[in-house]
PDB file of N, CA and C in Angstrom:
ATOM      1  N   MET A   1      -6.826 -25.190  10.260  1.00  0.00           N
ATOM      2  CA  MET A   1      -6.442 -24.282  10.540  1.00  0.00           C
ATOM      3  C   MET A   1      -7.237 -23.983  11.625  1.00  0.00           C
ATOM      4  N   ARG A   2      -6.785 -22.807  12.580  1.00  0.00           N
ATOM      5  CA  ARG A   2      -8.163 -21.904  12.974  1.00  0.00           C
ATOM      6  C   ARG A   2      -7.482 -20.580  13.866  1.00  0.00           C
ATOM      7  N   LEU A   3      -8.045 -19.453  13.740  1.00  0.00           N
ATOM      8  CA  LEU A   3      -7.864 -17.897  14.261  1.00  0.00           C
ATOM      9  C   LEU A   3      -9.016 -18.385  15.671  1.00  0.00           C
ATOM     10  N   ARG A   4      -8.407 -18.146  16.790  1.00  0.00           N
ATOM     11  CA  ARG A   4      -9.142 -17.400  17.394  1.00  0.00           C
ATOM     12  C   ARG A   4      -8.826 -16.543  18.571  1.00  0.00           C
ATOM     13  N   ASN A   5      -8.887 -15.287  18.607  1.00  0.00           N
ATOM     14  CA  ASN A   5      -8.393 -14.402  19.485  1.00  0.00           C
ATOM     15  C   ASN A   5      -7.759 -13.262  18.930  1.00  0.00           C
ATOM     16  N   GLY A   6      -7.255 -13.529  17.645  1.00  0.00           N
ATOM     17  CA  GLY A   6      -5.843 -13.234  17.284  1.00  0.00           C
ATOM     18  C   GLY A   6      -4.843 -14.103  16.887  1.00  0.00           C
ATOM     19  N   THR A   7      -4.616 -15.340  17.408  1.00  0.00           N
ATOM     20  CA  THR A   7      -3.963 -16.499  17.587  1.00  0.00           C
ATOM     21  C   THR A   7      -4.188 -17.368  16.686  1.00  0.00           C
ATOM     22  N   LEU A   8      -3.115 -18.069  15.638  1.00  0.00           N
ATOM     23  CA  LEU A   8      -3.225 -18.973  14.604  1.00  0.00           C
ATOM     24  C   LEU A   8      -3.201 -19.938  15.198  1.00  0.00           C
ATOM     25  N   SER A   9      -3.936 -21.039  14.628  1.00  0.00           N
ATOM     26  CA  SER A   9      -3.260 -22.219  15.205  1.00  0.00           C
ATOM     27  C   SER A   9      -3.287 -23.562  14.308  1.00  0.00           C
ATOM     28  N   LEU A  10      -2.648 -24.056  14.487  1.00  0.00           N
ATOM     29  CA  LEU A  10      -2.168 -25.420  12.771  1.00  0.00           C
ATOM     30  C   LEU A  10      -2.132 -26.406  13.408  1.00  0.00           C
ATOM     31  N   THR A  11      -3.080 -27.474  13.027  1.00  0.00           N
ATOM     32  CA  THR A  11      -2.531 -29.065  13.589  1.00  0.00           C
ATOM     33  C   THR A  11      -2.671 -29.793  12.659  1.00  0.00           C
ATOM     34  N   LEU A  12      -1.212 -30.277  12.380  1.00  0.00           N
ATOM     35  CA  LEU A  12      -1.164 -31.596  11.173  1.00  0.00           C
ATOM     36  C   LEU A  12      -1.342 -33.019  12.359  1.00  0.00           C
ATOM     37  N   GLU A  13      -1.856 -34.049  11.353  1.00  0.00           N
ATOM     38  CA  GLU A  13      -2.204 -35.272  12.584  1.00  0.00           C
ATOM     39  C   GLU A  13      -1.660 -36.117  11.218  1.00  0.00           C
ATOM     40  N   ALA A  14      -0.538 -36.929  11.945  1.00  0.00           N
ATOM     41  CA  ALA A  14       0.032 -38.257  11.215  1.00  0.00           C
ATOM     42  C   ALA A  14      -0.785 -39.508  11.588  1.00  0.00           C
ATOM     43  N   ARG A  15      -0.914 -40.301  10.241  1.00  0.00           N
ATOM     44  CA  ARG A  15      -2.153 -41.311  10.246  1.00  0.00           C
ATOM     45  C   ARG A  15      -1.337 -42.207  10.614  1.00  0.00           C
ATOM     46  N   ASP A  16      -0.043 -42.642  10.676  1.00  0.00           N
ATOM     47  CA  ASP A  16       1.040 -43.738  10.916  1.00  0.00           C
ATOM     48  C   ASP A  16       2.431 -43.443  10.942  1.00  0.00           C
ATOM     49  N   ALA A  17       3.331 -44.284  11.497  1.00  0.00           N
ATOM     50  CA  ALA A  17       4.688 -43.915  12.270  1.00  0.00           C
ATOM     51  C   ALA A  17       5.266 -43.265  10.787  1.00  0.00           C
ATOM     52  N   ASP A  18       5.190 -43.607  10.031  1.00  0.00           N
ATOM     53  CA  ASP A  18       5.993 -43.133   8.591  1.00  0.00           C
ATOM     54  C   ASP A  18       5.378 -42.042   8.262  1.00  0.00           C
ATOM     55  N   ASP A  19       4.597 -41.128   8.964  1.00  0.00           N
ATOM     56  CA  ASP A  19       4.196 -39.606   8.467  1.00  0.00           C
ATOM     57  C   ASP A  19       4.826 -38.942   9.254  1.00  0.00           C
ATOM     58  N   TYR A  20       5.292 -39.079  10.355  1.00  0.00           N
ATOM     59  CA  TYR A  20       6.195 -38.022  11.103  1.00  0.00           C
ATOM     60  C   TYR A  20       7.236 -37.709  10.613  1.00  0.00           C
ATOM     61  N   ALA A  21       8.167 -38.073  10.088  1.00  0.00           N
ATOM     62  CA  ALA A  21       9.242 -37.291   9.358  1.00  0.00           C
ATOM     63  C   ALA A  21       8.987 -36.491   8.204  1.00  0.00           C
ATOM     64  N   TYR A  22       7.448 -36.727   7.907  1.00  0.00           N
ATOM     65  CA  TYR A  22       7.143 -35.804   6.540  1.00  0.00           C
ATOM     66  C   TYR A  22       6.381 -34.822   7.125  1.00  0.00           C
ATOM     67  N   CYS A  23       5.220 -34.726   8.393  1.00  0.00           N
ATOM     68  CA  CYS A  23       4.891 -34.042   9.126  1.00  0.00           C
ATOM     69  C   CYS A  23       6.107 -33.070   9.376  1.00  0.00           C
ATOM     70  N   THR A  24       6.808 -33.694   9.730  1.00  0.00           N
ATOM     71  CA  THR A  24       8.308 -32.550  10.550  1.00  0.00           C
ATOM     72  C   THR A  24       8.964 -32.027   9.841  1.00  0.00           C
ATOM     73  N   ARG A  25       8.688 -32.061   8.390  1.00  0.00           N
ATOM     74  CA  ARG A  25       9.892 -31.489   7.444  1.00  0.00           C
ATOM     75  C   ARG A  25       8.481 -30.387   7.234  1.00  0.00           C
ATOM     76  N   LYS A  26       7.435 -31.242   6.930  1.00  0.00           N
ATOM     77  CA  LYS A  26       5.921 -30.137   6.404  1.00  0.00           C
ATOM     78  C   LYS A  26       6.242 -28.435   7.123  1.00  0.00           C
ATOM     79  N   ILE A  27       5.958 -28.568   8.521  1.00  0.00           N
ATOM     80  CA  ILE A  27       5.956 -27.866   9.232  1.00  0.00           C
ATOM     81  C   ILE A  27       7.364 -26.935   9.718  1.00  0.00           C
ATOM     82  N   VAL A  28       8.447 -27.319   9.801  1.00  0.00           N
ATOM     83  CA  VAL A  28       9.929 -26.892   9.522  1.00  0.00           C
ATOM     84  C   VAL A  28       9.712 -25.893   8.406  1.00  0.00           C
ATOM     85  N   ASN A  29       9.312 -26.983   7.000  1.00  0.00           N
ATOM     86  CA  ASN A  29       9.641 -25.727   5.781  1.00  0.00           C
ATOM     87  C   ASN A  29       7.923 -24.914   5.927  1.00  0.00           C
ATOM     88  N   LEU A  30       7.284 -24.733   6.983  1.00  0.00           N
ATOM     89  CA  LEU A  30       6.225 -23.686   6.775  1.00  0.00           C
ATOM     90  C   LEU A  30       6.826 -22.392   7.902  1.00  0.00           C
ATOM     91  N   THR A  31       7.363 -22.999   8.664  1.00  0.00           N
ATOM     92  CA  THR A  31       8.081 -22.050   9.978  1.00  0.00           C
ATOM     93  C   THR A  31       8.865 -21.486   9.152  1.00  0.00           C
ATOM     94  N   HIS A  32       9.689 -21.596   8.354  1.00  0.00           N
ATOM     95  CA  HIS A  32      11.140 -21.241   7.224  1.00  0.00           C
ATOM     96  C   HIS A  32      10.507 -20.145   6.518  1.00  0.00           C
ATOM     97  N   GLU A  33       9.533 -20.714   5.809  1.00  0.00           N
ATOM     98  CA  GLU A  33       8.994 -19.553   4.594  1.00  0.00           C
ATOM     99  C   GLU A  33       7.646 -18.260   5.652  1.00  0.00           C
ATOM    100  N   PHE A  34       7.283 -18.851   6.409  1.00  0.00           N
ATOM    101  CA  PHE A  34       6.823 -17.588   7.208  1.00  0.00           C
ATOM    102  C   PHE A  34       7.971 -16.589   8.093  1.00  0.00           C
ATOM    103  N   PHE A  35       9.128 -17.264   8.282  1.00  0.00           N
ATOM    104  CA  PHE A  35      10.118 -16.417   8.925  1.00  0.00           C
ATOM    105  C   PHE A  35      10.512 -15.515   7.749  1.00  0.00           C
ATOM    106  N   LEU A  36      10.667 -15.944   6.497  1.00  0.00           N
ATOM    107  CA  LEU A  36      11.199 -15.611   5.372  1.00  0.00           C
ATOM    108  C   LEU A  36       9.780 -14.238   5.227  1.00  0.00           C
ATOM    109  N   PHE A  37       8.894 -14.625   4.944  1.00  0.00           N
ATOM    110  CA  PHE A  37       7.670 -13.643   4.979  1.00  0.00           C
ATOM    111  C   PHE A  37       8.179 -12.591   5.628  1.00  0.00           C
ATOM    112  N   LEU A  38       7.907 -12.679   6.758  1.00  0.00           N
ATOM    113  CA  LEU A  38       8.059 -11.916   7.951  1.00  0.00           C
ATOM    114  C   LEU A  38       8.989 -10.909   7.881  1.00  0.00           C
ATOM    115  N   ASN A  39      10.235 -11.423   7.828  1.00  0.00           N
ATOM    116  CA  ASN A  39      11.620 -10.498   7.362  1.00  0.00           C
ATOM    117  C   ASN A  39      11.501  -9.660   5.976  1.00  0.00           C
ATOM    118  N   GLU A  40      10.807 -10.079   4.650  1.00  0.00           N
ATOM    119  CA  GLU A  40      10.856  -9.613   3.856  1.00  0.00           C
ATOM    120  C   GLU A  40       9.611  -8.415   4.004  1.00  0.00           C
ATOM    121  N   TYR A  41       8.242  -8.985   4.413  1.00  0.00           N
ATOM    122  CA  TYR A  41       7.526  -7.790   4.109  1.00  0.00           C
ATOM    123  C   TYR A  41       7.157  -6.669   5.882  1.00  0.00           C
ATOM    124  N   TRP A  42       7.465  -7.433   6.985  1.00  0.00           N
ATOM    125  CA  TRP A  42       7.660  -6.602   8.410  1.00  0.00           C
ATOM    126  C   TRP A  42       8.675  -7.209   8.971  1.00  0.00           C
ATOM    127  N   ALA A  43       9.838  -5.801   8.264  1.00  0.00           N
ATOM    128  CA  ALA A  43      11.113  -5.813   9.009  1.00  0.00           C
ATOM    129  C   ALA A  43      11.275  -5.142  10.362  1.00  0.00           C
ATOM    130  N   ASP A  44      10.379  -4.068  10.593  1.00  0.00           N
ATOM    131  CA  ASP A  44      10.155  -3.296  11.399  1.00  0.00           C
ATOM    132  C   ASP A  44       9.490  -4.349  12.915  1.00  0.00           C
ATOM    133  N   TYR A  45       8.426  -5.290  12.991  1.00  0.00           N
ATOM    134  CA  TYR A  45       8.457  -6.167  13.630  1.00  0.00           C
ATOM    135  C   TYR A  45       9.339  -7.293  14.001  1.00  0.00           C
ATOM    136  N   MET A  46      10.419  -7.831  13.031  1.00  0.00           N
ATOM    137  CA  MET A  46      11.141  -8.492  13.415  1.00  0.00           C
ATOM    138  C   MET A  46      12.225  -7.963  13.976  1.00  0.00           C
ATOM    139  N   TRP A  47      12.599  -6.685  13.989  1.00  0.00           N
ATOM    140  CA  TRP A  47      13.508  -5.898  14.802  1.00  0.00           C
ATOM    141  C   TRP A  47      13.078  -5.663  16.335  1.00  0.00           C
ATOM    142  N   GLU A  48      11.644  -5.249  16.220  1.00  0.00           N
ATOM    143  CA  GLU A  48      11.438  -4.773  17.645  1.00  0.00           C
ATOM    144  C   GLU A  48      11.195  -6.411  18.298  1.00  0.00           C
ATOM    145  N   ASN A  49      10.230  -7.454  18.056  1.00  0.00           N
ATOM    146  CA  ASN A  49      10.280  -8.446  18.519  1.00  0.00           C
ATOM    147  C   ASN A  49      11.645  -9.833  18.627  1.00  0.00           C
ATOM    148  N   PHE A  50      12.073  -9.515  17.623  1.00  0.00           N
ATOM    149  CA  PHE A  50      13.314 -10.857  17.644  1.00  0.00           C
ATOM    150  C   PHE A  50      14.347 -10.275  17.280  1.00  0.00           C
ATOM    151  N   GLY A  51      14.581  -8.841  17.796  1.00  0.00           N
ATOM    152  CA  GLY A  51      16.288  -8.104  17.601  1.00  0.00           C
ATOM    153  C   GLY A  51      17.098  -8.733  16.053  1.00  0.00           C
ATOM    154  N   MET A  52      16.241  -8.452  15.502  1.00  0.00           N
ATOM    155  CA  MET A  52      16.835  -8.998  13.803  1.00  0.00           C
ATOM    156  C   MET A  52      17.294  -7.667  13.005  1.00  0.00           C
ATOM    157  N   ASN A  53      18.306  -7.654  12.351  1.00  0.00           N
ATOM    158  CA  ASN A  53      18.365  -6.473  11.219  1.00  0.00           C
ATOM    159  C   ASN A  53      17.711  -5.874  10.984  1.00  0.00           C
ATOM    160  N   MET A  54      17.766  -4.635  10.313  1.00  0.00           N
ATOM    161  CA  MET A  54      16.428  -4.427   9.273  1.00  0.00           C
ATOM    162  C   MET A  54      16.790  -4.025   8.156  1.00  0.00           C
ATOM    163  N   GLU A  55      18.150  -4.504   7.796  1.00  0.00           N
ATOM    164  CA  GLU A  55      18.209  -5.551   6.204  1.00  0.00           C
ATOM    165  C   GLU A  55      17.659  -6.270   5.159  1.00  0.00           C
TER     166      GLU A  55
END
């Protein structure tokens, strides 16, 4: 994980072919959790940038 100029980068490395499905699931789960976090604590940001409901 790296933070540069206000941009967060996350790198995941698969060591063999069996790891691709695992890594993909983890990335999707992380993205979903981050979306839920933003929706709960930063509703105004989600509304301004993604057009989400404020509810």
